[in-house]
Amino acid sequence: MSIFNILKVHAEKFYNSTATITQFHPKGGIVNNVTGVVVAENVPCRVIYKSIPHSATSSTVASITQVIKLYLSPEVAVKAGSRVLVNTNGVETDYACAGEPALYISHQEIELKLKDRWA
């Protein structure tokens, strides 16, 4: 077993959740409309919270801001803007990919944001 496989197996021991990844593609013939296509289901992963949530208020609403990272296998193709539904111990949380994944030999890191949450 190569060192790369050892690193990947070690990283995957920490995965405690599964994810369903949906990408959005333009729907033919309809302006400004997209359709979601599930590209991966039951993908082992781990969600890490890099900061404690705090409330950011404006003149109209208070929104929740938090840095959230998703760790998963580098073999799974995840595009920016994809929807990620994470299941941890039976609790599903809906996220959107905030950017392009950072790819490493053993894993990839994707910054997430909560979908449509308000305080």
N, C-alpha and C. Protein backbone atom coordinates (compact mmCIF):
# COMPACT_ATOMS: atom_id res chain seq x y z
N MET A 1 0.85 -1.18 0.00
CA MET A 1 0.00 0.00 0.00
C MET A 1 0.90 1.24 0.00
N SER A 2 0.60 2.18 -0.89
CA SER A 2 1.42 3.39 -1.00
C SER A 2 1.11 4.36 0.14
N ILE A 3 2.00 5.31 0.34
CA ILE A 3 1.81 6.31 1.39
C ILE A 3 0.54 7.13 1.14
N PHE A 4 0.20 7.35 -0.11
CA PHE A 4 -1.00 8.12 -0.45
C PHE A 4 -2.26 7.38 0.00
N ASN A 5 -2.29 6.08 -0.23
CA ASN A 5 -3.44 5.28 0.20
C ASN A 5 -3.53 5.22 1.72
N ILE A 6 -2.40 5.16 2.39
CA ILE A 6 -2.38 5.15 3.85
C ILE A 6 -2.95 6.45 4.39
N LEU A 7 -2.55 7.59 3.80
CA LEU A 7 -3.07 8.90 4.22
C LEU A 7 -4.58 8.98 4.00
N LYS A 8 -5.04 8.49 2.85
CA LYS A 8 -6.46 8.55 2.53
C LYS A 8 -7.27 7.69 3.50
N VAL A 9 -6.81 6.48 3.78
CA VAL A 9 -7.50 5.59 4.71
C VAL A 9 -7.53 6.22 6.10
N HIS A 10 -6.44 6.83 6.51
CA HIS A 10 -6.38 7.48 7.83
C HIS A 10 -7.37 8.64 7.90
N ALA A 11 -7.45 9.47 6.87
CA ALA A 11 -8.38 10.61 6.86
C ALA A 11 -9.82 10.12 6.90
N GLU A 12 -10.13 9.05 6.19
CA GLU A 12 -11.50 8.56 6.11
C GLU A 12 -11.99 7.93 7.41
N LYS A 13 -11.10 7.60 8.34
CA LYS A 13 -11.50 7.07 9.64
C LYS A 13 -12.28 8.11 10.45
N PHE A 14 -12.08 9.39 10.15
CA PHE A 14 -12.73 10.46 10.89
C PHE A 14 -14.09 10.86 10.32
N TYR A 15 -14.48 10.30 9.19
CA TYR A 15 -15.76 10.64 8.59
C TYR A 15 -16.89 10.04 9.43
N ASN A 16 -17.83 10.90 9.83
CA ASN A 16 -18.93 10.46 10.68
C ASN A 16 -20.30 10.81 10.11
N SER A 17 -20.33 11.25 8.86
CA SER A 17 -21.57 11.67 8.22
C SER A 17 -21.59 11.15 6.79
N THR A 18 -22.75 11.32 6.14
CA THR A 18 -22.84 11.04 4.71
C THR A 18 -23.43 12.25 4.01
N ALA A 19 -23.11 12.40 2.75
CA ALA A 19 -23.58 13.56 1.99
C ALA A 19 -24.21 13.13 0.68
N THR A 20 -25.20 13.91 0.27
CA THR A 20 -25.79 13.79 -1.07
C THR A 20 -25.47 15.09 -1.78
N ILE A 21 -24.85 15.00 -2.94
CA ILE A 21 -24.40 16.19 -3.67
C ILE A 21 -25.23 16.35 -4.93
N THR A 22 -25.83 17.54 -5.07
CA THR A 22 -26.66 17.87 -6.22
C THR A 22 -26.06 19.04 -6.96
N GLN A 23 -25.86 18.88 -8.27
CA GLN A 23 -25.37 19.97 -9.10
C GLN A 23 -26.52 20.50 -9.94
N PHE A 24 -26.42 21.76 -10.30
CA PHE A 24 -27.49 22.40 -11.05
C PHE A 24 -27.03 22.72 -12.46
N HIS A 25 -27.89 22.39 -13.43
CA HIS A 25 -27.59 22.58 -14.85
C HIS A 25 -28.75 23.35 -15.49
N PRO A 26 -28.45 24.18 -16.50
CA PRO A 26 -29.52 24.91 -17.18
C PRO A 26 -30.52 23.95 -17.82
N LYS A 27 -31.77 24.29 -17.73
CA LYS A 27 -32.82 23.50 -18.34
C LYS A 27 -33.02 24.04 -19.75
N GLY A 28 -32.98 23.18 -20.74
CA GLY A 28 -33.10 23.59 -22.13
C GLY A 28 -34.41 24.27 -22.46
N GLY A 29 -34.33 25.42 -23.15
CA GLY A 29 -35.51 26.10 -23.64
C GLY A 29 -36.19 27.01 -22.64
N ILE A 30 -35.72 27.01 -21.39
CA ILE A 30 -36.35 27.86 -20.39
C ILE A 30 -35.30 28.85 -19.89
N VAL A 31 -35.65 30.12 -19.92
CA VAL A 31 -34.72 31.17 -19.50
C VAL A 31 -34.64 31.22 -17.98
N ASN A 32 -33.41 31.36 -17.46
CA ASN A 32 -33.16 31.49 -16.02
C ASN A 32 -33.77 30.37 -15.19
N ASN A 33 -33.73 29.16 -15.69
CA ASN A 33 -34.25 28.03 -14.94
C ASN A 33 -33.21 26.91 -14.97
N VAL A 34 -33.06 26.24 -13.84
CA VAL A 34 -32.08 25.15 -13.74
C VAL A 34 -32.75 23.92 -13.17
N THR A 35 -32.13 22.79 -13.40
CA THR A 35 -32.62 21.53 -12.84
C THR A 35 -31.50 20.91 -12.01
N GLY A 36 -31.85 20.32 -10.89
CA GLY A 36 -30.87 19.68 -10.03
C GLY A 36 -30.66 18.23 -10.42
N VAL A 37 -29.38 17.81 -10.44
CA VAL A 37 -29.03 16.43 -10.77
C VAL A 37 -28.15 15.90 -9.64
N VAL A 38 -28.60 14.82 -9.00
CA VAL A 38 -27.81 14.21 -7.93
C VAL A 38 -26.62 13.51 -8.58
N VAL A 39 -25.39 13.93 -8.19
CA VAL A 39 -24.18 13.35 -8.77
C VAL A 39 -23.51 12.35 -7.83
N ALA A 40 -23.85 12.40 -6.53
CA ALA A 40 -23.28 11.44 -5.58
C ALA A 40 -24.21 11.33 -4.37
N GLU A 41 -24.39 10.10 -3.91
CA GLU A 41 -25.23 9.85 -2.74
C GLU A 41 -24.47 9.01 -1.71
N ASN A 42 -24.81 9.21 -0.44
CA ASN A 42 -24.22 8.45 0.66
C ASN A 42 -22.70 8.49 0.66
N VAL A 43 -22.14 9.66 0.37
CA VAL A 43 -20.70 9.84 0.34
C VAL A 43 -20.22 10.06 1.78
N PRO A 44 -19.31 9.23 2.29
CA PRO A 44 -18.78 9.45 3.64
C PRO A 44 -18.07 10.81 3.71
N CYS A 45 -18.30 11.54 4.81
CA CYS A 45 -17.73 12.88 4.94
C CYS A 45 -17.68 13.29 6.40
N ARG A 46 -17.15 14.49 6.63
CA ARG A 46 -17.13 15.09 7.97
C ARG A 46 -17.31 16.59 7.81
N VAL A 47 -18.13 17.17 8.67
CA VAL A 47 -18.35 18.61 8.68
C VAL A 47 -17.63 19.18 9.90
N ILE A 48 -16.83 20.22 9.67
CA ILE A 48 -16.09 20.89 10.74
C ILE A 48 -16.54 22.34 10.80
N TYR A 49 -16.81 22.82 12.01
CA TYR A 49 -17.19 24.21 12.23
C TYR A 49 -15.95 24.96 12.70
N LYS A 50 -15.50 25.94 11.90
CA LYS A 50 -14.27 26.66 12.19
C LYS A 50 -14.48 27.83 13.15
N SER A 51 -15.70 28.21 13.39
CA SER A 51 -15.96 29.32 14.30
C SER A 51 -17.31 29.11 14.97
N ILE A 52 -17.52 29.81 16.04
CA ILE A 52 -18.79 29.74 16.74
C ILE A 52 -19.75 30.70 16.04
N PRO A 53 -20.99 30.29 15.80
CA PRO A 53 -21.92 31.18 15.10
C PRO A 53 -22.20 32.45 15.88
N HIS A 54 -22.28 33.52 15.15
CA HIS A 54 -22.68 34.79 15.75
C HIS A 54 -23.69 35.45 14.83
N SER A 55 -24.41 36.35 15.35
CA SER A 55 -25.47 37.00 14.61
C SER A 55 -24.97 38.32 14.04
N ALA A 56 -25.18 38.53 12.75
CA ALA A 56 -24.84 39.79 12.10
C ALA A 56 -26.15 40.50 11.77
N THR A 57 -26.35 41.66 12.31
CA THR A 57 -27.62 42.35 12.09
C THR A 57 -27.46 43.48 11.09
N SER A 58 -28.52 43.71 10.37
CA SER A 58 -28.60 44.85 9.47
C SER A 58 -29.85 45.62 9.85
N SER A 59 -30.23 46.58 9.04
CA SER A 59 -31.41 47.37 9.38
C SER A 59 -32.71 46.57 9.25
N THR A 60 -32.67 45.42 8.54
CA THR A 60 -33.90 44.67 8.33
C THR A 60 -33.92 43.28 8.95
N VAL A 61 -32.78 42.56 8.92
CA VAL A 61 -32.76 41.19 9.42
C VAL A 61 -31.46 40.90 10.16
N ALA A 62 -31.46 39.81 10.92
CA ALA A 62 -30.25 39.28 11.54
C ALA A 62 -29.95 37.96 10.86
N SER A 63 -28.74 37.80 10.35
CA SER A 63 -28.38 36.55 9.69
C SER A 63 -27.27 35.86 10.48
N ILE A 64 -27.19 34.54 10.34
CA ILE A 64 -26.18 33.76 11.05
C ILE A 64 -24.98 33.56 10.14
N THR A 65 -23.78 33.86 10.65
CA THR A 65 -22.55 33.72 9.89
C THR A 65 -21.65 32.71 10.59
N GLN A 66 -21.09 31.77 9.82
CA GLN A 66 -20.24 30.73 10.39
C GLN A 66 -19.38 30.15 9.29
N VAL A 67 -18.13 29.77 9.60
CA VAL A 67 -17.26 29.11 8.64
C VAL A 67 -17.42 27.61 8.82
N ILE A 68 -17.87 26.94 7.77
CA ILE A 68 -18.14 25.51 7.81
C ILE A 68 -17.35 24.84 6.70
N LYS A 69 -16.64 23.76 7.02
CA LYS A 69 -15.86 23.03 6.02
C LYS A 69 -16.35 21.59 5.94
N LEU A 70 -16.40 21.09 4.72
CA LEU A 70 -16.76 19.70 4.45
C LEU A 70 -15.50 18.97 4.00
N TYR A 71 -15.22 17.84 4.61
CA TYR A 71 -14.08 17.00 4.25
C TYR A 71 -14.62 15.71 3.65
N LEU A 72 -14.12 15.35 2.47
CA LEU A 72 -14.53 14.10 1.83
C LEU A 72 -13.46 13.64 0.87
N SER A 73 -13.68 12.47 0.30
CA SER A 73 -12.71 11.85 -0.60
C SER A 73 -12.44 12.74 -1.82
N PRO A 74 -11.19 12.77 -2.30
CA PRO A 74 -10.87 13.59 -3.48
C PRO A 74 -11.45 13.03 -4.78
N GLU A 75 -11.94 11.78 -4.76
CA GLU A 75 -12.49 11.18 -5.98
C GLU A 75 -13.88 11.72 -6.33
N VAL A 76 -14.56 12.34 -5.39
CA VAL A 76 -15.90 12.86 -5.63
C VAL A 76 -15.80 14.25 -6.24
N ALA A 77 -16.38 14.44 -7.42
CA ALA A 77 -16.34 15.74 -8.10
C ALA A 77 -17.45 16.63 -7.55
N VAL A 78 -17.04 17.76 -6.94
CA VAL A 78 -18.00 18.71 -6.39
C VAL A 78 -17.70 20.08 -6.97
N LYS A 79 -18.69 20.65 -7.66
CA LYS A 79 -18.52 21.96 -8.27
C LYS A 79 -19.01 23.05 -7.34
N ALA A 80 -18.45 24.24 -7.49
CA ALA A 80 -18.92 25.39 -6.72
C ALA A 80 -20.40 25.62 -7.02
N GLY A 81 -21.17 25.95 -6.01
CA GLY A 81 -22.59 26.18 -6.19
C GLY A 81 -23.46 24.95 -6.04
N SER A 82 -22.84 23.79 -5.84
CA SER A 82 -23.62 22.55 -5.65
C SER A 82 -24.35 22.60 -4.33
N ARG A 83 -25.43 21.85 -4.24
CA ARG A 83 -26.17 21.68 -2.99
C ARG A 83 -25.61 20.44 -2.32
N VAL A 84 -25.36 20.54 -1.01
CA VAL A 84 -24.85 19.41 -0.24
C VAL A 84 -25.79 19.16 0.93
N LEU A 85 -26.39 17.99 0.95
CA LEU A 85 -27.28 17.60 2.03
C LEU A 85 -26.51 16.61 2.90
N VAL A 86 -26.18 17.01 4.14
CA VAL A 86 -25.36 16.19 5.03
C VAL A 86 -26.25 15.54 6.09
N ASN A 87 -26.07 14.24 6.27
CA ASN A 87 -26.81 13.48 7.27
C ASN A 87 -25.82 13.04 8.35
N THR A 88 -26.04 13.56 9.58
CA THR A 88 -25.23 13.18 10.73
C THR A 88 -26.15 12.65 11.81
N ASN A 89 -26.02 11.39 12.13
CA ASN A 89 -26.85 10.75 13.16
C ASN A 89 -28.34 10.98 12.92
N GLY A 90 -28.78 10.89 11.68
CA GLY A 90 -30.19 11.02 11.34
C GLY A 90 -30.68 12.45 11.19
N VAL A 91 -29.82 13.44 11.41
CA VAL A 91 -30.20 14.84 11.26
C VAL A 91 -29.64 15.36 9.94
N GLU A 92 -30.53 15.83 9.05
CA GLU A 92 -30.11 16.35 7.75
C GLU A 92 -29.98 17.86 7.80
N THR A 93 -28.87 18.37 7.26
CA THR A 93 -28.63 19.80 7.16
C THR A 93 -28.32 20.13 5.72
N ASP A 94 -28.95 21.19 5.21
CA ASP A 94 -28.82 21.59 3.81
C ASP A 94 -27.79 22.71 3.69
N TYR A 95 -26.79 22.51 2.82
CA TYR A 95 -25.73 23.48 2.62
C TYR A 95 -25.60 23.81 1.13
N ALA A 96 -24.91 24.90 0.85
CA ALA A 96 -24.51 25.25 -0.51
C ALA A 96 -23.00 25.36 -0.52
N CYS A 97 -22.35 24.92 -1.59
CA CYS A 97 -20.90 25.06 -1.70
C CYS A 97 -20.57 26.52 -1.96
N ALA A 98 -19.72 27.08 -1.12
CA ALA A 98 -19.38 28.49 -1.25
C ALA A 98 -18.27 28.70 -2.28
N GLY A 99 -17.50 27.69 -2.57
CA GLY A 99 -16.40 27.88 -3.51
C GLY A 99 -15.90 26.57 -4.07
N GLU A 100 -14.80 26.68 -4.82
CA GLU A 100 -14.17 25.50 -5.41
C GLU A 100 -13.48 24.69 -4.32
N PRO A 101 -13.44 23.38 -4.45
CA PRO A 101 -12.79 22.54 -3.44
C PRO A 101 -11.27 22.70 -3.46
N ALA A 102 -10.66 22.57 -2.28
CA ALA A 102 -9.20 22.49 -2.16
C ALA A 102 -8.87 21.00 -2.17
N LEU A 103 -8.21 20.55 -3.23
CA LEU A 103 -7.92 19.12 -3.40
C LEU A 103 -6.55 18.76 -2.83
N TYR A 104 -6.51 17.70 -2.05
CA TYR A 104 -5.29 17.16 -1.48
C TYR A 104 -5.22 15.68 -1.84
N ILE A 105 -4.10 15.06 -1.58
CA ILE A 105 -3.92 13.64 -1.90
C ILE A 105 -4.89 12.77 -1.11
N SER A 106 -5.08 13.11 0.17
CA SER A 106 -5.88 12.26 1.05
C SER A 106 -7.34 12.67 1.14
N HIS A 107 -7.68 13.92 0.79
CA HIS A 107 -9.05 14.42 0.96
C HIS A 107 -9.24 15.71 0.18
N GLN A 108 -10.45 16.24 0.24
CA GLN A 108 -10.71 17.57 -0.28
C GLN A 108 -11.50 18.35 0.77
N GLU A 109 -11.29 19.67 0.76
CA GLU A 109 -11.98 20.55 1.70
C GLU A 109 -12.85 21.50 0.89
N ILE A 110 -14.09 21.65 1.31
CA ILE A 110 -15.02 22.53 0.61
C ILE A 110 -15.67 23.44 1.64
N GLU A 111 -15.60 24.74 1.41
CA GLU A 111 -16.27 25.66 2.31
C GLU A 111 -17.76 25.66 1.99
N LEU A 112 -18.57 25.55 3.03
CA LEU A 112 -20.02 25.49 2.89
C LEU A 112 -20.67 26.70 3.53
N LYS A 113 -21.90 26.94 3.14
CA LYS A 113 -22.72 27.93 3.84
C LYS A 113 -24.11 27.33 4.01
N LEU A 114 -24.73 27.66 5.12
CA LEU A 114 -26.08 27.17 5.37
C LEU A 114 -27.03 27.76 4.33
N LYS A 115 -27.95 26.96 3.87
CA LYS A 115 -28.91 27.44 2.87
C LYS A 115 -30.08 28.14 3.56
N ASP A 116 -30.32 29.39 3.20
CA ASP A 116 -31.52 30.14 3.58
C ASP A 116 -31.86 30.03 5.05
N ARG A 117 -30.94 30.45 5.91
CA ARG A 117 -31.22 30.47 7.35
C ARG A 117 -31.18 31.91 7.84
N TRP A 118 -32.11 32.24 8.66
CA TRP A 118 -32.18 33.57 9.25
C TRP A 118 -32.37 33.43 10.74
N ALA A 119 -31.78 34.37 11.49
CA ALA A 119 -31.92 34.35 12.95
C ALA A 119 -33.24 34.97 13.36
